């Protein structure tokens, strides 16, 4: 299995006015799920680094929950137990 990557990262809002952008988004290369975060509020005018950092943090969580072998094995075990005939 390939390691999923965050692709197509972009901002919602006018390209020339980053202050007007409200969300940052990207797509998982493995499952095509879109990951989106709201623009982070910071003490400075430049919110882009913190917002991008938050997007990648959320993406890493997505990969852990949806694409890790350990989580897939746990999910398979739960399904097996839930579908056992009693």
N, C-alpha and C. Protein backbone atom coordinates (compact mmCIF):
# COMPACT_ATOMS: atom_id res chain seq x y z
N UNK A 1 0.84 -1.18 0.00
CA UNK A 1 0.00 0.00 0.00
C UNK A 1 0.88 1.24 0.00
N UNK A 2 0.56 2.17 -0.87
CA UNK A 2 1.31 3.42 -0.92
C UNK A 2 0.96 4.30 0.28
N UNK A 3 1.89 5.19 0.60
CA UNK A 3 1.62 6.16 1.65
C UNK A 3 0.76 7.28 1.07
N UNK A 4 -0.40 7.54 1.65
CA UNK A 4 -1.26 8.61 1.14
C UNK A 4 -0.56 9.97 1.24
N UNK A 5 -0.84 10.82 0.28
CA UNK A 5 -0.31 12.17 0.27
C UNK A 5 -1.45 13.16 0.18
N UNK A 6 -1.20 14.36 0.68
CA UNK A 6 -2.18 15.44 0.57
C UNK A 6 -1.92 16.15 -0.75
N UNK A 7 -2.90 16.14 -1.64
CA UNK A 7 -2.72 16.74 -2.97
C UNK A 7 -3.72 17.87 -3.18
N UNK A 8 -3.45 18.68 -4.17
CA UNK A 8 -4.40 19.73 -4.55
C UNK A 8 -4.69 20.74 -3.46
N UNK A 9 -3.69 21.06 -2.65
CA UNK A 9 -3.91 22.00 -1.55
C UNK A 9 -4.25 23.37 -2.12
N UNK A 10 -5.28 23.99 -1.56
CA UNK A 10 -5.69 25.32 -2.02
C UNK A 10 -6.46 26.07 -0.95
N UNK A 11 -6.85 27.26 -1.30
CA UNK A 11 -7.59 28.13 -0.39
C UNK A 11 -8.93 28.49 -1.00
N UNK A 12 -9.96 28.60 -0.17
CA UNK A 12 -11.27 29.07 -0.63
C UNK A 12 -11.30 30.57 -0.44
N UNK A 13 -11.53 31.28 -1.51
CA UNK A 13 -11.56 32.74 -1.45
C UNK A 13 -10.71 33.34 -2.55
N UNK A 14 -10.73 34.65 -2.66
CA UNK A 14 -9.97 35.32 -3.72
C UNK A 14 -8.47 35.06 -3.59
N UNK A 15 -7.83 34.69 -4.69
CA UNK A 15 -6.41 34.37 -4.68
C UNK A 15 -5.56 35.58 -4.31
N UNK A 16 -5.95 36.75 -4.75
CA UNK A 16 -5.13 37.95 -4.50
C UNK A 16 -5.35 38.52 -3.10
N UNK A 17 -6.37 38.07 -2.43
CA UNK A 17 -6.67 38.58 -1.09
C UNK A 17 -6.69 37.42 -0.10
N UNK A 18 -5.50 37.01 0.34
CA UNK A 18 -5.42 35.87 1.27
C UNK A 18 -6.17 36.15 2.57
N UNK A 19 -6.29 37.41 2.95
CA UNK A 19 -7.02 37.73 4.18
C UNK A 19 -8.50 37.38 4.04
N UNK A 20 -8.99 37.33 2.82
CA UNK A 20 -10.40 37.01 2.59
C UNK A 20 -10.65 35.51 2.53
N UNK A 21 -9.59 34.73 2.32
CA UNK A 21 -9.76 33.28 2.27
C UNK A 21 -10.22 32.77 3.63
N UNK A 22 -11.14 31.83 3.62
CA UNK A 22 -11.70 31.38 4.89
C UNK A 22 -11.30 29.96 5.26
N UNK A 23 -10.95 29.14 4.28
CA UNK A 23 -10.64 27.74 4.52
C UNK A 23 -9.48 27.29 3.64
N UNK A 24 -8.76 26.29 4.14
CA UNK A 24 -7.69 25.66 3.37
C UNK A 24 -8.11 24.20 3.18
N UNK A 25 -7.85 23.64 2.00
CA UNK A 25 -8.31 22.27 1.73
C UNK A 25 -7.27 21.51 0.92
N UNK A 26 -7.43 20.20 0.90
CA UNK A 26 -6.61 19.31 0.10
C UNK A 26 -7.33 17.99 -0.05
N UNK A 27 -6.76 17.10 -0.87
CA UNK A 27 -7.41 15.82 -1.14
C UNK A 27 -6.44 14.69 -0.84
N UNK A 28 -6.95 13.62 -0.24
CA UNK A 28 -6.15 12.44 0.04
C UNK A 28 -5.92 11.69 -1.28
N UNK A 29 -4.66 11.41 -1.58
CA UNK A 29 -4.33 10.74 -2.84
C UNK A 29 -4.81 9.29 -2.87
N UNK A 30 -5.05 8.71 -1.72
CA UNK A 30 -5.44 7.30 -1.66
C UNK A 30 -6.95 7.10 -1.81
N UNK A 31 -7.75 7.86 -1.06
CA UNK A 31 -9.20 7.64 -1.07
C UNK A 31 -9.98 8.80 -1.68
N UNK A 32 -9.28 9.85 -2.10
CA UNK A 32 -9.89 11.03 -2.73
C UNK A 32 -10.78 11.84 -1.78
N UNK A 33 -10.71 11.56 -0.48
CA UNK A 33 -11.50 12.31 0.48
C UNK A 33 -10.92 13.72 0.61
N UNK A 34 -11.80 14.72 0.70
CA UNK A 34 -11.35 16.11 0.82
C UNK A 34 -11.24 16.46 2.30
N UNK A 35 -10.10 17.05 2.65
CA UNK A 35 -9.82 17.49 4.02
C UNK A 35 -9.87 19.02 3.98
N UNK A 36 -10.61 19.62 4.90
CA UNK A 36 -10.78 21.07 4.89
C UNK A 36 -10.69 21.60 6.32
N UNK A 37 -9.97 22.71 6.50
CA UNK A 37 -9.89 23.35 7.82
C UNK A 37 -10.21 24.83 7.67
N UNK A 38 -10.79 25.39 8.71
CA UNK A 38 -11.06 26.81 8.75
C UNK A 38 -9.77 27.57 9.02
N UNK A 39 -9.67 28.77 8.46
CA UNK A 39 -8.48 29.60 8.65
C UNK A 39 -8.25 29.83 10.14
N UNK A 40 -6.99 29.65 10.57
CA UNK A 40 -6.62 29.78 11.97
C UNK A 40 -6.51 31.26 12.34
N UNK A 41 -6.96 31.61 13.53
CA UNK A 41 -6.80 32.97 14.03
C UNK A 41 -5.45 33.05 14.73
N UNK A 42 -4.63 34.03 14.35
CA UNK A 42 -3.31 34.20 14.94
C UNK A 42 -3.13 35.63 15.42
N UNK A 43 -2.04 35.86 16.13
CA UNK A 43 -1.71 37.21 16.60
C UNK A 43 -1.21 38.10 15.47
N UNK A 44 -0.71 37.49 14.41
CA UNK A 44 -0.16 38.26 13.29
C UNK A 44 -1.15 38.28 12.13
N UNK A 45 -0.84 39.07 11.12
CA UNK A 45 -1.68 39.15 9.93
C UNK A 45 -1.55 37.89 9.07
N UNK A 46 -0.38 37.25 9.10
CA UNK A 46 -0.12 36.10 8.24
C UNK A 46 -0.64 34.82 8.89
N UNK A 47 -1.78 34.37 8.43
CA UNK A 47 -2.40 33.16 9.00
C UNK A 47 -2.04 31.90 8.20
N UNK A 48 -1.43 32.08 7.04
CA UNK A 48 -1.19 30.95 6.15
C UNK A 48 -0.34 29.83 6.78
N UNK A 49 0.80 30.13 7.44
CA UNK A 49 1.61 29.02 7.99
C UNK A 49 0.87 28.18 9.02
N UNK A 50 0.17 28.82 9.93
CA UNK A 50 -0.55 28.08 10.98
C UNK A 50 -1.73 27.30 10.41
N UNK A 51 -2.41 27.87 9.43
CA UNK A 51 -3.54 27.18 8.82
C UNK A 51 -3.06 25.98 8.04
N UNK A 52 -1.97 26.13 7.29
CA UNK A 52 -1.40 25.02 6.54
C UNK A 52 -0.92 23.93 7.49
N UNK A 53 -0.31 24.33 8.58
CA UNK A 53 0.14 23.36 9.60
C UNK A 53 -1.06 22.58 10.14
N UNK A 54 -2.15 23.26 10.40
CA UNK A 54 -3.36 22.61 10.91
C UNK A 54 -3.93 21.63 9.87
N UNK A 55 -3.91 22.01 8.59
CA UNK A 55 -4.40 21.12 7.54
C UNK A 55 -3.59 19.83 7.51
N UNK A 56 -2.26 19.94 7.58
CA UNK A 56 -1.43 18.74 7.55
C UNK A 56 -1.60 17.90 8.81
N UNK A 57 -1.85 18.54 9.94
CA UNK A 57 -2.10 17.80 11.18
C UNK A 57 -3.40 16.99 11.06
N UNK A 58 -4.42 17.62 10.53
CA UNK A 58 -5.70 16.92 10.33
C UNK A 58 -5.53 15.79 9.31
N UNK A 59 -4.73 16.03 8.27
CA UNK A 59 -4.49 14.99 7.27
C UNK A 59 -3.77 13.79 7.88
N UNK A 60 -2.77 14.05 8.73
CA UNK A 60 -2.06 12.94 9.38
C UNK A 60 -3.03 12.12 10.24
N UNK A 61 -3.96 12.79 10.90
CA UNK A 61 -4.97 12.09 11.69
C UNK A 61 -5.86 11.25 10.77
N UNK A 62 -6.25 11.81 9.65
CA UNK A 62 -7.06 11.07 8.65
C UNK A 62 -6.33 9.80 8.22
N UNK A 63 -5.04 9.93 7.91
CA UNK A 63 -4.26 8.78 7.46
C UNK A 63 -4.20 7.72 8.55
N UNK A 64 -4.00 8.14 9.78
CA UNK A 64 -3.94 7.20 10.90
C UNK A 64 -5.27 6.46 11.06
N UNK A 65 -6.36 7.19 10.96
CA UNK A 65 -7.67 6.58 11.19
C UNK A 65 -8.18 5.76 10.00
N UNK A 66 -7.87 6.17 8.78
CA UNK A 66 -8.45 5.51 7.61
C UNK A 66 -7.51 4.59 6.86
N UNK A 67 -6.21 4.81 6.97
CA UNK A 67 -5.29 4.09 6.08
C UNK A 67 -4.20 3.29 6.78
N UNK A 68 -4.14 3.32 8.10
CA UNK A 68 -3.07 2.57 8.76
C UNK A 68 -3.46 1.09 8.84
N UNK A 69 -2.47 0.23 8.69
CA UNK A 69 -2.71 -1.22 8.73
C UNK A 69 -3.26 -1.63 10.09
N UNK A 70 -2.75 -1.03 11.16
CA UNK A 70 -3.20 -1.37 12.50
C UNK A 70 -4.69 -1.05 12.67
N UNK A 71 -5.11 0.12 12.17
CA UNK A 71 -6.53 0.48 12.28
C UNK A 71 -7.39 -0.43 11.41
N UNK A 72 -6.90 -0.81 10.23
CA UNK A 72 -7.65 -1.70 9.35
C UNK A 72 -7.84 -3.07 10.00
N UNK A 73 -6.81 -3.56 10.67
CA UNK A 73 -6.92 -4.85 11.36
C UNK A 73 -7.91 -4.76 12.52
N UNK A 74 -7.87 -3.65 13.25
CA UNK A 74 -8.80 -3.47 14.36
C UNK A 74 -10.23 -3.40 13.84
N UNK A 75 -10.43 -2.69 12.74
CA UNK A 75 -11.77 -2.57 12.17
C UNK A 75 -12.26 -3.93 11.69
N UNK A 76 -11.39 -4.70 11.06
CA UNK A 76 -11.77 -6.04 10.58
C UNK A 76 -12.16 -6.93 11.76
N UNK A 77 -11.42 -6.86 12.85
CA UNK A 77 -11.73 -7.66 14.04
C UNK A 77 -13.08 -7.26 14.61
N UNK A 78 -13.35 -5.97 14.66
CA UNK A 78 -14.63 -5.48 15.20
C UNK A 78 -15.79 -5.97 14.33
N UNK A 79 -15.60 -5.92 13.01
CA UNK A 79 -16.65 -6.38 12.09
C UNK A 79 -16.88 -7.88 12.27
N UNK A 80 -15.79 -8.64 12.37
CA UNK A 80 -15.92 -10.10 12.57
C UNK A 80 -16.70 -10.40 13.85
N UNK A 81 -16.33 -9.70 14.93
CA UNK A 81 -17.01 -9.94 16.21
C UNK A 81 -18.47 -9.53 16.15
N UNK A 82 -18.76 -8.45 15.46
CA UNK A 82 -20.13 -7.96 15.38
C UNK A 82 -21.01 -8.85 14.51
N UNK A 83 -20.40 -9.55 13.57
CA UNK A 83 -21.20 -10.37 12.64
C UNK A 83 -21.20 -11.85 12.98
N UNK A 84 -20.57 -12.21 14.08
CA UNK A 84 -20.57 -13.63 14.50
C UNK A 84 -21.99 -14.05 14.82
N UNK A 85 -22.28 -15.28 14.43
CA UNK A 85 -23.60 -15.81 14.80
C UNK A 85 -23.56 -16.19 16.26
N UNK A 86 -24.64 -15.91 16.92
CA UNK A 86 -24.69 -16.21 18.38
C UNK A 86 -25.46 -17.45 18.64
